[in-house]
N, C-alpha and C. Protein backbone atom coordinates (compact mmCIF):
# COMPACT_ATOMS: atom_id res chain seq x y z
N MET A 1 -3.02 250.34 -18.87
CA MET A 1 -1.74 250.73 -19.41
C MET A 1 -1.94 251.13 -20.86
N LYS A 2 -1.26 252.20 -21.24
CA LYS A 2 -1.25 252.66 -22.62
C LYS A 2 0.19 252.98 -22.98
N VAL A 3 0.62 252.53 -24.14
CA VAL A 3 1.98 252.80 -24.60
C VAL A 3 1.92 253.69 -25.84
N ILE A 4 2.97 254.49 -26.01
CA ILE A 4 3.01 255.43 -27.13
C ILE A 4 4.31 255.20 -27.89
N PHE A 5 4.17 255.00 -29.20
CA PHE A 5 5.32 254.75 -30.07
C PHE A 5 5.41 255.80 -31.16
N ASP A 6 6.62 256.06 -31.63
CA ASP A 6 6.85 256.94 -32.76
C ASP A 6 6.31 256.26 -34.01
N ALA A 7 5.51 256.98 -34.79
CA ALA A 7 4.88 256.39 -35.98
C ALA A 7 5.90 256.04 -37.07
N LYS A 8 6.95 256.82 -37.18
CA LYS A 8 7.92 256.59 -38.26
C LYS A 8 8.89 255.45 -37.97
N TYR A 9 9.45 255.42 -36.75
CA TYR A 9 10.49 254.44 -36.42
C TYR A 9 10.04 253.36 -35.44
N GLY A 10 8.89 253.54 -34.80
CA GLY A 10 8.40 252.56 -33.85
C GLY A 10 9.04 252.64 -32.49
N GLU A 11 9.83 253.71 -32.23
CA GLU A 11 10.50 253.86 -30.94
C GLU A 11 9.50 254.11 -29.82
N TRP A 12 9.72 253.47 -28.68
CA TRP A 12 8.90 253.65 -27.49
C TRP A 12 9.10 255.08 -27.00
N LEU A 13 8.04 255.88 -26.96
CA LEU A 13 8.13 257.27 -26.51
C LEU A 13 7.70 257.44 -25.06
N GLY A 14 6.79 256.60 -24.60
CA GLY A 14 6.33 256.72 -23.22
C GLY A 14 5.12 255.84 -22.97
N CYS A 15 4.58 255.96 -21.76
CA CYS A 15 3.40 255.17 -21.43
C CYS A 15 2.66 255.79 -20.25
N HIS A 16 1.44 255.33 -20.08
CA HIS A 16 0.61 255.71 -18.94
C HIS A 16 0.27 254.41 -18.20
N MET A 17 0.40 254.41 -16.90
CA MET A 17 0.05 253.24 -16.09
C MET A 17 -0.78 253.71 -14.90
N ILE A 18 -1.87 253.02 -14.67
CA ILE A 18 -2.72 253.30 -13.52
C ILE A 18 -3.12 251.97 -12.90
N GLY A 19 -3.04 251.87 -11.58
CA GLY A 19 -3.53 250.68 -10.90
C GLY A 19 -2.51 250.06 -9.97
N ALA A 20 -2.99 249.04 -9.28
CA ALA A 20 -2.14 248.31 -8.34
C ALA A 20 -1.04 247.59 -9.10
N GLY A 21 0.17 247.65 -8.58
CA GLY A 21 1.27 246.90 -9.16
C GLY A 21 2.04 247.63 -10.24
N VAL A 22 1.64 248.86 -10.58
CA VAL A 22 2.37 249.54 -11.66
C VAL A 22 3.79 249.92 -11.26
N THR A 23 4.02 250.08 -9.97
CA THR A 23 5.39 250.39 -9.54
C THR A 23 6.33 249.23 -9.82
N ASP A 24 5.80 248.02 -9.93
CA ASP A 24 6.61 246.85 -10.26
C ASP A 24 6.88 246.76 -11.77
N MET A 25 6.08 247.45 -12.57
CA MET A 25 6.22 247.37 -14.02
C MET A 25 6.93 248.56 -14.64
N ILE A 26 7.11 249.63 -13.89
CA ILE A 26 7.67 250.85 -14.46
C ILE A 26 9.11 250.67 -14.95
N ALA A 27 9.85 249.76 -14.34
CA ALA A 27 11.25 249.54 -14.74
C ALA A 27 11.36 249.13 -16.21
N GLU A 28 10.47 248.28 -16.67
CA GLU A 28 10.52 247.86 -18.08
C GLU A 28 10.30 249.05 -19.00
N ALA A 29 9.39 249.92 -18.64
CA ALA A 29 9.13 251.12 -19.45
C ALA A 29 10.33 252.05 -19.46
N VAL A 30 10.97 252.21 -18.31
CA VAL A 30 12.14 253.09 -18.22
C VAL A 30 13.28 252.55 -19.07
N VAL A 31 13.56 251.27 -18.98
CA VAL A 31 14.64 250.66 -19.76
C VAL A 31 14.31 250.72 -21.25
N ALA A 32 13.07 250.42 -21.61
CA ALA A 32 12.66 250.47 -23.02
C ALA A 32 12.85 251.86 -23.59
N ARG A 33 12.49 252.86 -22.84
CA ARG A 33 12.64 254.25 -23.29
C ARG A 33 14.12 254.63 -23.42
N LYS A 34 14.90 254.27 -22.41
CA LYS A 34 16.32 254.61 -22.39
C LYS A 34 17.07 253.97 -23.56
N LEU A 35 16.71 252.76 -23.92
CA LEU A 35 17.39 252.02 -24.98
C LEU A 35 16.77 252.23 -26.36
N GLU A 36 15.79 253.12 -26.44
CA GLU A 36 15.09 253.41 -27.70
C GLU A 36 14.51 252.14 -28.33
N THR A 37 13.91 251.35 -27.48
CA THR A 37 13.33 250.08 -27.88
C THR A 37 12.10 250.29 -28.78
N THR A 38 11.87 249.35 -29.67
CA THR A 38 10.65 249.39 -30.49
C THR A 38 9.62 248.42 -29.92
N GLY A 39 8.40 248.59 -30.34
CA GLY A 39 7.33 247.70 -29.90
C GLY A 39 7.58 246.26 -30.29
N HIS A 40 8.13 246.05 -31.46
CA HIS A 40 8.40 244.68 -31.90
C HIS A 40 9.44 243.99 -31.02
N GLU A 41 10.39 244.75 -30.50
CA GLU A 41 11.38 244.18 -29.58
C GLU A 41 10.72 243.79 -28.26
N ILE A 42 9.79 244.58 -27.79
CA ILE A 42 9.06 244.25 -26.56
C ILE A 42 8.24 242.98 -26.75
N LEU A 43 7.60 242.86 -27.90
CA LEU A 43 6.78 241.67 -28.17
C LEU A 43 7.61 240.39 -28.23
N LYS A 44 8.87 240.51 -28.62
CA LYS A 44 9.76 239.34 -28.69
C LYS A 44 10.34 238.96 -27.34
N ALA A 45 10.25 239.87 -26.36
CA ALA A 45 10.78 239.59 -25.02
C ALA A 45 9.83 238.67 -24.26
N ILE A 46 10.38 237.88 -23.36
CA ILE A 46 9.57 236.95 -22.56
C ILE A 46 8.90 237.71 -21.42
N HIS A 47 7.59 237.54 -21.31
CA HIS A 47 6.81 238.10 -20.21
C HIS A 47 6.11 236.92 -19.54
N PRO A 48 6.53 236.53 -18.35
CA PRO A 48 6.01 235.34 -17.69
C PRO A 48 4.50 235.41 -17.47
N HIS A 49 3.89 234.24 -17.47
CA HIS A 49 2.44 234.12 -17.23
C HIS A 49 2.22 233.25 -16.00
N PRO A 50 1.35 233.60 -15.14
CA PRO A 50 0.56 234.82 -15.04
C PRO A 50 1.28 235.86 -14.19
N THR A 51 1.52 237.03 -14.74
CA THR A 51 2.14 238.12 -14.00
C THR A 51 1.55 239.45 -14.47
N MET A 52 1.79 240.48 -13.68
CA MET A 52 1.35 241.81 -14.06
C MET A 52 2.18 242.34 -15.23
N SER A 53 3.40 241.85 -15.38
CA SER A 53 4.24 242.35 -16.47
C SER A 53 3.65 242.01 -17.84
N GLU A 54 2.76 241.06 -17.89
CA GLU A 54 2.08 240.75 -19.14
C GLU A 54 1.29 241.94 -19.66
N ALA A 55 0.89 242.84 -18.77
CA ALA A 55 0.14 244.03 -19.18
C ALA A 55 0.97 244.89 -20.12
N VAL A 56 2.29 244.92 -19.90
CA VAL A 56 3.17 245.67 -20.79
C VAL A 56 3.11 245.05 -22.18
N MET A 57 3.29 243.76 -22.26
CA MET A 57 3.26 243.05 -23.54
C MET A 57 1.91 243.23 -24.22
N GLU A 58 0.83 243.11 -23.48
CA GLU A 58 -0.51 243.24 -24.06
C GLU A 58 -0.78 244.66 -24.55
N ALA A 59 -0.30 245.66 -23.83
CA ALA A 59 -0.49 247.05 -24.27
C ALA A 59 0.27 247.31 -25.56
N VAL A 60 1.47 246.76 -25.66
CA VAL A 60 2.26 246.90 -26.88
C VAL A 60 1.58 246.16 -28.02
N ALA A 61 1.13 244.95 -27.77
CA ALA A 61 0.43 244.18 -28.79
C ALA A 61 -0.82 244.92 -29.26
N ASP A 62 -1.53 245.55 -28.33
CA ASP A 62 -2.72 246.32 -28.69
C ASP A 62 -2.35 247.50 -29.59
N ALA A 63 -1.24 248.15 -29.30
CA ALA A 63 -0.79 249.28 -30.11
C ALA A 63 -0.50 248.86 -31.55
N TYR A 64 -0.12 247.61 -31.74
CA TYR A 64 0.19 247.09 -33.07
C TYR A 64 -0.94 246.25 -33.65
N GLY A 65 -2.09 246.24 -32.98
CA GLY A 65 -3.23 245.47 -33.48
C GLY A 65 -3.05 243.97 -33.38
N GLU A 66 -2.22 243.51 -32.44
CA GLU A 66 -1.93 242.09 -32.29
C GLU A 66 -2.33 241.52 -30.94
N VAL A 67 -3.13 242.25 -30.17
CA VAL A 67 -3.51 241.82 -28.84
C VAL A 67 -4.37 240.56 -28.90
N ILE A 68 -4.16 239.64 -27.95
CA ILE A 68 -4.96 238.41 -27.94
C ILE A 68 -5.70 238.17 -26.63
N HIS A 69 -5.34 238.90 -25.57
CA HIS A 69 -5.95 238.64 -24.27
C HIS A 69 -6.93 239.71 -23.80
N LEU A 70 -7.39 240.58 -24.64
CA LEU A 70 -8.36 241.60 -24.21
C LEU A 70 -9.76 241.19 -24.56
C-alpha cells in the first residue's frame, strides 16, 4: 500500500493497493478522500490489531516518517 498526500495541506489525495484483502480496506481510503482527511487524522484513528486495516495506518505513518512496524 502506498498513500499520497498534498504537500501543502496534508490532504489525502489517493493511494495504491495491491494484494489479498485490499477490497476490505478500500472503504477507508474512499471515505478519507471524500472527507479531505489528513494523514494525521488517519494516525489518530483506531486500527485494530491484528488486522489488514493496519496496513492503512502503517502506510500513512511511513509517509510521515513515523512507521514502526516495517
